[in-house]
Structures are given as structure tokens and as C-alpha cells.
PDB file of all heavy atoms in Angstrom:
ATOM      1  N   ALA A   1     -72.488  79.718 155.883  1.00  0.00           N
ATOM      2  CA  ALA A   1     -72.915  78.575 155.078  1.00  0.00           C
ATOM      3  C   ALA A   1     -74.038  78.960 154.115  1.00  0.00           C
ATOM      4  O   ALA A   1     -74.183  78.355 153.046  1.00  0.00           O
ATOM      5  CB  ALA A   1     -73.373  77.432 155.982  1.00  0.00           C
ATOM      6  N   LEU A   2     -74.828  79.966 154.480  1.00  0.00           N
ATOM      7  CA  LEU A   2     -75.947  80.383 153.625  1.00  0.00           C
ATOM      8  C   LEU A   2     -75.453  81.029 152.336  1.00  0.00           C
ATOM      9  O   LEU A   2     -76.109  80.932 151.290  1.00  0.00           O
ATOM     10  CB  LEU A   2     -76.851  81.374 154.369  1.00  0.00           C
ATOM     11  CG  LEU A   2     -77.516  80.869 155.648  1.00  0.00           C
ATOM     12  CD1 LEU A   2     -78.373  81.975 156.260  1.00  0.00           C
ATOM     13  CD2 LEU A   2     -78.368  79.643 155.362  1.00  0.00           C
ATOM     14  N   TYR A   3     -74.292  81.700 152.422  1.00  0.00           N
ATOM     15  CA  TYR A   3     -73.815  82.459 151.266  1.00  0.00           C
ATOM     16  C   TYR A   3     -73.305  81.553 150.144  1.00  0.00           C
ATOM     17  O   TYR A   3     -72.999  82.043 149.052  1.00  0.00           O
ATOM     18  CB  TYR A   3     -72.730  83.439 151.712  1.00  0.00           C
ATOM     19  CG  TYR A   3     -73.298  84.562 152.552  1.00  0.00           C
ATOM     20  CD1 TYR A   3     -73.230  84.518 153.938  1.00  0.00           C
ATOM     21  CD2 TYR A   3     -73.931  85.656 151.955  1.00  0.00           C
ATOM     22  CE1 TYR A   3     -73.760  85.533 154.717  1.00  0.00           C
ATOM     23  CE2 TYR A   3     -74.473  86.674 152.721  1.00  0.00           C
ATOM     24  CZ  TYR A   3     -74.381  86.614 154.104  1.00  0.00           C
ATOM     25  OH  TYR A   3     -74.921  87.623 154.866  1.00  0.00           O
ATOM     26  N   LYS A   4     -73.223  80.265 150.397  1.00  0.00           N
ATOM     27  CA  LYS A   4     -72.915  79.331 149.307  1.00  0.00           C
ATOM     28  C   LYS A   4     -74.136  79.120 148.417  1.00  0.00           C
ATOM     29  O   LYS A   4     -74.015  78.624 147.293  1.00  0.00           O
ATOM     30  CB  LYS A   4     -72.476  77.985 149.887  1.00  0.00           C
ATOM     31  CG  LYS A   4     -71.195  78.036 150.710  1.00  0.00           C
ATOM     32  CD  LYS A   4     -70.858  76.670 151.277  1.00  0.00           C
ATOM     33  CE  LYS A   4     -69.601  76.704 152.129  1.00  0.00           C
ATOM     34  NZ  LYS A   4     -69.287  75.377 152.720  1.00  0.00           N
ATOM     35  N   HIS A   5     -75.314  79.505 148.922  1.00  0.00           N
ATOM     36  CA  HIS A   5     -76.564  79.243 148.195  1.00  0.00           C
ATOM     37  C   HIS A   5     -77.304  80.524 147.806  1.00  0.00           C
ATOM     38  O   HIS A   5     -78.038  80.534 146.817  1.00  0.00           O
ATOM     39  CB  HIS A   5     -77.465  78.360 149.056  1.00  0.00           C
ATOM     40  CG  HIS A   5     -76.793  77.120 149.540  1.00  0.00           C
ATOM     41  ND1 HIS A   5     -76.565  76.034 148.724  1.00  0.00           N
ATOM     42  CD2 HIS A   5     -76.261  76.792 150.753  1.00  0.00           C
ATOM     43  CE1 HIS A   5     -75.933  75.085 149.406  1.00  0.00           C
ATOM     44  NE2 HIS A   5     -75.743  75.517 150.648  1.00  0.00           N
ATOM     45  N   VAL A   6     -77.122  81.592 148.586  1.00  0.00           N
ATOM     46  CA  VAL A   6     -77.668  82.911 148.240  1.00  0.00           C
ATOM     47  C   VAL A   6     -76.582  83.935 148.514  1.00  0.00           C
ATOM     48  O   VAL A   6     -76.008  83.960 149.604  1.00  0.00           O
ATOM     49  CB  VAL A   6     -78.954  83.243 149.029  1.00  0.00           C
ATOM     50  CG1 VAL A   6     -80.120  82.418 148.526  1.00  0.00           C
ATOM     51  CG2 VAL A   6     -78.757  83.030 150.522  1.00  0.00           C
ATOM     52  N   ALA A   7     -76.288  84.761 147.532  1.00  0.00           N
ATOM     53  CA  ALA A   7     -75.135  85.651 147.632  1.00  0.00           C
ATOM     54  C   ALA A   7     -75.362  86.837 148.557  1.00  0.00           C
ATOM     55  O   ALA A   7     -74.406  87.453 149.031  1.00  0.00           O
ATOM     56  CB  ALA A   7     -74.739  86.145 146.242  1.00  0.00           C
ATOM     57  N   SER A   8     -76.635  87.175 148.821  1.00  0.00           N
ATOM     58  CA  SER A   8     -76.933  88.362 149.615  1.00  0.00           C
ATOM     59  C   SER A   8     -78.357  88.279 150.140  1.00  0.00           C
ATOM     60  O   SER A   8     -79.135  87.403 149.746  1.00  0.00           O
ATOM     61  CB  SER A   8     -76.785  89.623 148.754  1.00  0.00           C
ATOM     62  OG  SER A   8     -77.762  89.616 147.705  1.00  0.00           O
ATOM     63  N   LYS A   9     -78.705  89.218 151.012  1.00  0.00           N
ATOM     64  CA  LYS A   9     -80.070  89.278 151.531  1.00  0.00           C
ATOM     65  C   LYS A   9     -81.055  89.568 150.395  1.00  0.00           C
ATOM     66  O   LYS A   9     -82.164  89.008 150.363  1.00  0.00           O
ATOM     67  CB  LYS A   9     -80.157  90.380 152.594  1.00  0.00           C
ATOM     68  CG  LYS A   9     -81.546  90.630 153.169  1.00  0.00           C
ATOM     69  CD  LYS A   9     -82.028  89.503 154.027  1.00  0.00           C
ATOM     70  CE  LYS A   9     -83.381  89.808 154.690  1.00  0.00           C
ATOM     71  NZ  LYS A   9     -83.329  90.913 155.673  1.00  0.00           N
ATOM     72  N   GLU A  10     -80.666  90.409 149.454  1.00  0.00           N
ATOM     73  CA  GLU A  10     -81.547  90.718 148.334  1.00  0.00           C
ATOM     74  C   GLU A  10     -81.802  89.490 147.467  1.00  0.00           C
ATOM     75  O   GLU A  10     -82.919  89.260 147.004  1.00  0.00           O
ATOM     76  CB  GLU A  10     -80.961  91.859 147.483  1.00  0.00           C
ATOM     77  CG  GLU A  10     -81.039  93.219 148.130  1.00  0.00           C
ATOM     78  CD  GLU A  10     -82.472  93.597 148.501  1.00  0.00           C
ATOM     79  OE1 GLU A  10     -83.334  93.583 147.606  1.00  0.00           O
ATOM     80  OE2 GLU A  10     -82.729  93.884 149.681  1.00  0.00           O
ATOM     81  N   GLU A  11     -80.775  88.692 147.246  1.00  0.00           N
ATOM     82  CA  GLU A  11     -80.968  87.465 146.475  1.00  0.00           C
ATOM     83  C   GLU A  11     -81.864  86.497 147.236  1.00  0.00           C
ATOM     84  O   GLU A  11     -82.661  85.765 146.643  1.00  0.00           O
ATOM     85  CB  GLU A  11     -79.624  86.810 146.167  1.00  0.00           C
ATOM     86  CG  GLU A  11     -79.750  85.583 145.265  1.00  0.00           C
ATOM     87  CD  GLU A  11     -78.415  84.985 144.875  1.00  0.00           C
ATOM     88  OE1 GLU A  11     -77.485  85.759 144.590  1.00  0.00           O
ATOM     89  OE2 GLU A  11     -78.309  83.735 144.874  1.00  0.00           O
ATOM     90  N   LEU A  12     -81.731  86.491 148.556  1.00  0.00           N
ATOM     91  CA  LEU A  12     -82.608  85.661 149.381  1.00  0.00           C
ATOM     92  C   LEU A  12     -84.063  86.096 149.201  1.00  0.00           C
ATOM     93  O   LEU A  12     -84.950  85.251 149.015  1.00  0.00           O
ATOM     94  CB  LEU A  12     -82.212  85.781 150.849  1.00  0.00           C
ATOM     95  CG  LEU A  12     -83.111  85.051 151.854  1.00  0.00           C
ATOM     96  CD1 LEU A  12     -82.979  83.536 151.679  1.00  0.00           C
ATOM     97  CD2 LEU A  12     -82.768  85.467 153.283  1.00  0.00           C
ATOM     98  N   LEU A  13     -84.312  87.405 149.233  1.00  0.00           N
ATOM     99  CA  LEU A  13     -85.677  87.914 149.070  1.00  0.00           C
ATOM    100  C   LEU A  13     -86.220  87.585 147.680  1.00  0.00           C
ATOM    101  O   LEU A  13     -87.398  87.230 147.537  1.00  0.00           O
ATOM    102  CB  LEU A  13     -85.715  89.423 149.321  1.00  0.00           C
ATOM    103  CG  LEU A  13     -85.397  89.861 150.759  1.00  0.00           C
ATOM    104  CD1 LEU A  13     -85.338  91.390 150.838  1.00  0.00           C
ATOM    105  CD2 LEU A  13     -86.435  89.325 151.739  1.00  0.00           C
ATOM    106  N   ASP A  14     -85.376  87.716 146.660  1.00  0.00           N
ATOM    107  CA  ASP A  14     -85.801  87.343 145.301  1.00  0.00           C
ATOM    108  C   ASP A  14     -86.248  85.885 145.272  1.00  0.00           C
ATOM    109  O   ASP A  14     -87.270  85.531 144.681  1.00  0.00           O
ATOM    110  CB  ASP A  14     -84.651  87.537 144.306  1.00  0.00           C
ATOM    111  CG  ASP A  14     -84.418  89.001 143.953  1.00  0.00           C
ATOM    112  OD1 ASP A  14     -85.307  89.828 144.222  1.00  0.00           O
ATOM    113  OD2 ASP A  14     -83.337  89.310 143.423  1.00  0.00           O
ATOM    114  N   GLY A  15     -85.450  85.039 145.905  1.00  0.00           N
ATOM    115  CA  GLY A  15     -85.777  83.622 145.921  1.00  0.00           C
ATOM    116  C   GLY A  15     -87.041  83.322 146.695  1.00  0.00           C
ATOM    117  O   GLY A  15     -87.828  82.444 146.313  1.00  0.00           O
ATOM    118  N   MET A  16     -87.264  84.060 147.780  1.00  0.00           N
ATOM    119  CA  MET A  16     -88.485  83.873 148.563  1.00  0.00           C
ATOM    120  C   MET A  16     -89.720  84.251 147.739  1.00  0.00           C
ATOM    121  O   MET A  16     -90.755  83.582 147.799  1.00  0.00           O
ATOM    122  CB  MET A  16     -88.422  84.703 149.838  1.00  0.00           C
ATOM    123  CG  MET A  16     -87.374  84.214 150.824  1.00  0.00           C
ATOM    124  SD  MET A  16     -87.059  85.388 152.170  1.00  0.00           S
ATOM    125  CE  MET A  16     -88.662  85.374 153.028  1.00  0.00           C
ATOM    126  N   VAL A  17     -89.605  85.329 146.965  1.00  0.00           N
ATOM    127  CA  VAL A  17     -90.700  85.707 146.067  1.00  0.00           C
ATOM    128  C   VAL A  17     -90.978  84.584 145.081  1.00  0.00           C
ATOM    129  O   VAL A  17     -92.135  84.245 144.803  1.00  0.00           O
ATOM    130  CB  VAL A  17     -90.360  87.016 145.320  1.00  0.00           C
ATOM    131  CG1 VAL A  17     -91.347  87.256 144.176  1.00  0.00           C
ATOM    132  CG2 VAL A  17     -90.382  88.198 146.279  1.00  0.00           C
ATOM    133  N   SER A  18     -89.928  83.980 144.562  1.00  0.00           N
ATOM    134  CA  SER A  18     -90.096  82.886 143.610  1.00  0.00           C
ATOM    135  C   SER A  18     -90.835  81.712 144.241  1.00  0.00           C
ATOM    136  O   SER A  18     -91.683  81.082 143.602  1.00  0.00           O
ATOM    137  CB  SER A  18     -88.730  82.417 143.098  1.00  0.00           C
ATOM    138  OG  SER A  18     -88.078  83.442 142.366  1.00  0.00           O
ATOM    139  N   VAL A  19     -90.519  81.409 145.508  1.00  0.00           N
ATOM    140  CA  VAL A  19     -91.202  80.316 146.205  1.00  0.00           C
ATOM    141  C   VAL A  19     -92.689  80.610 146.331  1.00  0.00           C
ATOM    142  O   VAL A  19     -93.534  79.747 146.078  1.00  0.00           O
ATOM    143  CB  VAL A  19     -90.573  80.097 147.600  1.00  0.00           C
ATOM    144  CG1 VAL A  19     -91.424  79.132 148.422  1.00  0.00           C
ATOM    145  CG2 VAL A  19     -89.164  79.551 147.473  1.00  0.00           C
ATOM    146  N   VAL A  20     -93.034  81.847 146.691  1.00  0.00           N
ATOM    147  CA  VAL A  20     -94.441  82.210 146.877  1.00  0.00           C
ATOM    148  C   VAL A  20     -95.188  82.195 145.543  1.00  0.00           C
ATOM    149  O   VAL A  20     -96.290  81.653 145.439  1.00  0.00           O
ATOM    150  CB  VAL A  20     -94.561  83.597 147.541  1.00  0.00           C
ATOM    151  CG1 VAL A  20     -96.015  84.057 147.576  1.00  0.00           C
ATOM    152  CG2 VAL A  20     -93.989  83.549 148.961  1.00  0.00           C
ATOM    153  N   VAL A  21     -94.587  82.785 144.513  1.00  0.00           N
ATOM    154  CA  VAL A  21     -95.247  82.839 143.199  1.00  0.00           C
ATOM    155  C   VAL A  21     -95.450  81.429 142.646  1.00  0.00           C
ATOM    156  O   VAL A  21     -96.447  81.154 141.963  1.00  0.00           O
ATOM    157  CB  VAL A  21     -94.437  83.711 142.220  1.00  0.00           C
ATOM    158  CG1 VAL A  21     -95.019  83.629 140.805  1.00  0.00           C
ATOM    159  CG2 VAL A  21     -94.424  85.161 142.688  1.00  0.00           C
ATOM    160  N   ALA A  22     -94.542  80.525 142.962  1.00  0.00           N
ATOM    161  CA  ALA A  22     -94.676  79.140 142.499  1.00  0.00           C
ATOM    162  C   ALA A  22     -95.878  78.443 143.132  1.00  0.00           C
ATOM    163  O   ALA A  22     -96.312  77.397 142.637  1.00  0.00           O
ATOM    164  CB  ALA A  22     -93.403  78.359 142.795  1.00  0.00           C
ATOM    165  N   GLU A  23     -96.429  79.009 144.203  1.00  0.00           N
ATOM    166  CA  GLU A  23     -97.617  78.435 144.833  1.00  0.00           C
ATOM    167  C   GLU A  23     -98.898  78.765 144.072  1.00  0.00           C
ATOM    168  O   GLU A  23     -99.949  78.195 144.344  1.00  0.00           O
ATOM    169  CB  GLU A  23     -97.742  78.942 146.269  1.00  0.00           C
ATOM    170  CG  GLU A  23     -96.640  78.473 147.199  1.00  0.00           C
ATOM    171  CD  GLU A  23     -96.809  78.989 148.616  1.00  0.00           C
ATOM    172  OE1 GLU A  23     -97.898  79.534 148.925  1.00  0.00           O
ATOM    173  OE2 GLU A  23     -95.862  78.861 149.424  1.00  0.00           O
ATOM    174  N   ILE A  24     -98.832  79.709 143.132  1.00  0.00           N
ATOM    175  CA  ILE A  24    -100.019  80.068 142.347  1.00  0.00           C
ATOM    176  C   ILE A  24    -100.370  78.907 141.426  1.00  0.00           C
ATOM    177  O   ILE A  24     -99.511  78.343 140.757  1.00  0.00           O
ATOM    178  CB  ILE A  24     -99.759  81.340 141.521  1.00  0.00           C
ATOM    179  CG1 ILE A  24     -99.388  82.507 142.442  1.00  0.00           C
ATOM    180  CG2 ILE A  24    -100.980  81.699 140.674  1.00  0.00           C
ATOM    181  CD1 ILE A  24     -98.975  83.764 141.707  1.00  0.00           C
ATOM    182  N   ASP A  25    -101.652  78.560 141.398  1.00  0.00           N
ATOM    183  CA  ASP A  25    -102.091  77.432 140.579  1.00  0.00           C
ATOM    184  C   ASP A  25    -101.796  77.679 139.099  1.00  0.00           C
ATOM    185  O   ASP A  25    -101.920  78.812 138.616  1.00  0.00           O
ATOM    186  CB  ASP A  25    -103.595  77.204 140.754  1.00  0.00           C
ATOM    187  CG  ASP A  25    -103.955  76.713 142.142  1.00  0.00           C
ATOM    188  OD1 ASP A  25    -103.083  76.095 142.783  1.00  0.00           O
ATOM    189  OD2 ASP A  25    -105.094  76.946 142.579  1.00  0.00           O
ATOM    190  N   PRO A  26    -101.443  76.646 138.354  1.00  0.00           N
ATOM    191  CA  PRO A  26    -101.247  76.780 136.909  1.00  0.00           C
ATOM    192  C   PRO A  26    -102.587  77.038 136.223  1.00  0.00           C
ATOM    193  O   PRO A  26    -103.641  76.859 136.830  1.00  0.00           O
ATOM    194  CB  PRO A  26    -100.655  75.429 136.507  1.00  0.00           C
ATOM    195  CG  PRO A  26    -101.166  74.475 137.549  1.00  0.00           C
ATOM    196  CD  PRO A  26    -101.223  75.260 138.827  1.00  0.00           C
ATOM    197  N   PRO A  27    -102.564  77.467 134.962  1.00  0.00           N
ATOM    198  CA  PRO A  27    -103.813  77.722 134.243  1.00  0.00           C
ATOM    199  C   PRO A  27    -104.700  76.484 134.200  1.00  0.00           C
ATOM    200  O   PRO A  27    -104.206  75.361 134.009  1.00  0.00           O
ATOM    201  CB  PRO A  27    -103.347  78.113 132.836  1.00  0.00           C
ATOM    202  CG  PRO A  27    -101.935  78.557 133.011  1.00  0.00           C
ATOM    203  CD  PRO A  27    -101.376  77.753 134.133  1.00  0.00           C
ATOM    204  N   MET A  28    -105.993  76.680 134.385  1.00  0.00           N
ATOM    205  CA  MET A  28    -106.937  75.568 134.312  1.00  0.00           C
ATOM    206  C   MET A  28    -107.390  75.402 132.864  1.00  0.00           C
ATOM    207  O   MET A  28    -107.846  76.369 132.245  1.00  0.00           O
ATOM    208  CB  MET A  28    -108.139  75.842 135.216  1.00  0.00           C
ATOM    209  CG  MET A  28    -107.802  75.903 136.696  1.00  0.00           C
ATOM    210  SD  MET A  28    -109.259  76.228 137.731  1.00  0.00           S
ATOM    211  CE  MET A  28    -110.257  74.771 137.355  1.00  0.00           C
ATOM    212  N   PRO A  29    -107.266  74.203 132.308  1.00  0.00           N
ATOM    213  CA  PRO A  29    -107.662  73.993 130.916  1.00  0.00           C
ATOM    214  C   PRO A  29    -109.176  74.073 130.755  1.00  0.00           C
ATOM    215  O   PRO A  29    -109.940  73.767 131.670  1.00  0.00           O
ATOM    216  CB  PRO A  29    -107.151  72.575 130.616  1.00  0.00           C
ATOM    217  CG  PRO A  29    -107.104  71.901 131.955  1.00  0.00           C
ATOM    218  CD  PRO A  29    -106.739  72.969 132.941  1.00  0.00           C
ATOM    219  N   GLY A  30    -109.590  74.499 129.563  1.00  0.00           N
ATOM    220  CA  GLY A  30    -111.013  74.485 129.230  1.00  0.00           C
ATOM    221  C   GLY A  30    -111.810  75.696 129.661  1.00  0.00           C
ATOM    222  O   GLY A  30    -113.018  75.753 129.404  1.00  0.00           O
ATOM    223  N   LEU A  31    -111.163  76.697 130.295  1.00  0.00           N
ATOM    224  CA  LEU A  31    -111.889  77.884 130.736  1.00  0.00           C
ATOM    225  C   LEU A  31    -111.766  78.991 129.697  1.00  0.00           C
ATOM    226  O   LEU A  31    -110.758  79.102 129.000  1.00  0.00           O
ATOM    227  CB  LEU A  31    -111.329  78.393 132.070  1.00  0.00           C
ATOM    228  CG  LEU A  31    -111.399  77.446 133.274  1.00  0.00           C
ATOM    229  CD1 LEU A  31    -110.830  78.151 134.499  1.00  0.00           C
ATOM    230  CD2 LEU A  31    -112.826  76.996 133.536  1.00  0.00           C
ATOM    231  N   ASP A  32    -112.793  79.837 129.590  1.00  0.00           N
ATOM    232  CA  ASP A  32    -112.667  81.017 128.745  1.00  0.00           C
ATOM    233  C   ASP A  32    -111.680  81.971 129.408  1.00  0.00           C
ATOM    234  O   ASP A  32    -111.379  81.867 130.601  1.00  0.00           O
ATOM    235  CB  ASP A  32    -114.029  81.701 128.557  1.00  0.00           C
ATOM    236  CG  ASP A  32    -114.609  82.223 129.858  1.00  0.00           C
ATOM    237  OD1 ASP A  32    -114.261  83.360 130.252  1.00  0.00           O
ATOM    238  OD2 ASP A  32    -115.392  81.501 130.505  1.00  0.00           O
ATOM    239  N   TRP A  33    -111.163  82.939 128.637  1.00  0.00           N
ATOM    240  CA  TRP A  33    -110.069  83.771 129.117  1.00  0.00           C
ATOM    241  C   TRP A  33    -110.430  84.538 130.384  1.00  0.00           C
ATOM    242  O   TRP A  33    -109.599  84.659 131.299  1.00  0.00           O
ATOM    243  CB  TRP A  33    -109.604  84.737 128.022  1.00  0.00           C
ATOM    244  CG  TRP A  33    -110.589  85.838 127.678  1.00  0.00           C
ATOM    245  CD1 TRP A  33    -111.504  85.826 126.664  1.00  0.00           C
ATOM    246  CD2 TRP A  33    -110.743  87.091 128.353  1.00  0.00           C
ATOM    247  NE1 TRP A  33    -112.231  87.006 126.658  1.00  0.00           N
ATOM    248  CE2 TRP A  33    -111.773  87.797 127.682  1.00  0.00           C
ATOM    249  CE3 TRP A  33    -110.124  87.702 129.438  1.00  0.00           C
ATOM    250  CZ2 TRP A  33    -112.203  89.073 128.063  1.00  0.00           C
ATOM    251  CZ3 TRP A  33    -110.544  88.970 129.840  1.00  0.00           C
ATOM    252  CH2 TRP A  33    -111.571  89.655 129.158  1.00  0.00           C
TER     253      TRP A  33
END
């Protein structure tokens, strides 16, 4: 049933990385670089 949503273990790992990176806060406005 999982392979309907992720084609392989590598694709699963790619997606897991995406979940973690999405936890990084977006840029805060008004700050110097």
C-alpha cells in the first residue's frame, strides 16, 4: 500500500528530508542579511 505513495525507499527518504527542511522557519522580515 505504501508504494502507491512512494515508489521506493529512496523516494521515501527524499520525502522525509523534505518534511524536516519544511520545519525550518521562513525568513524573518526586517532583519539585516
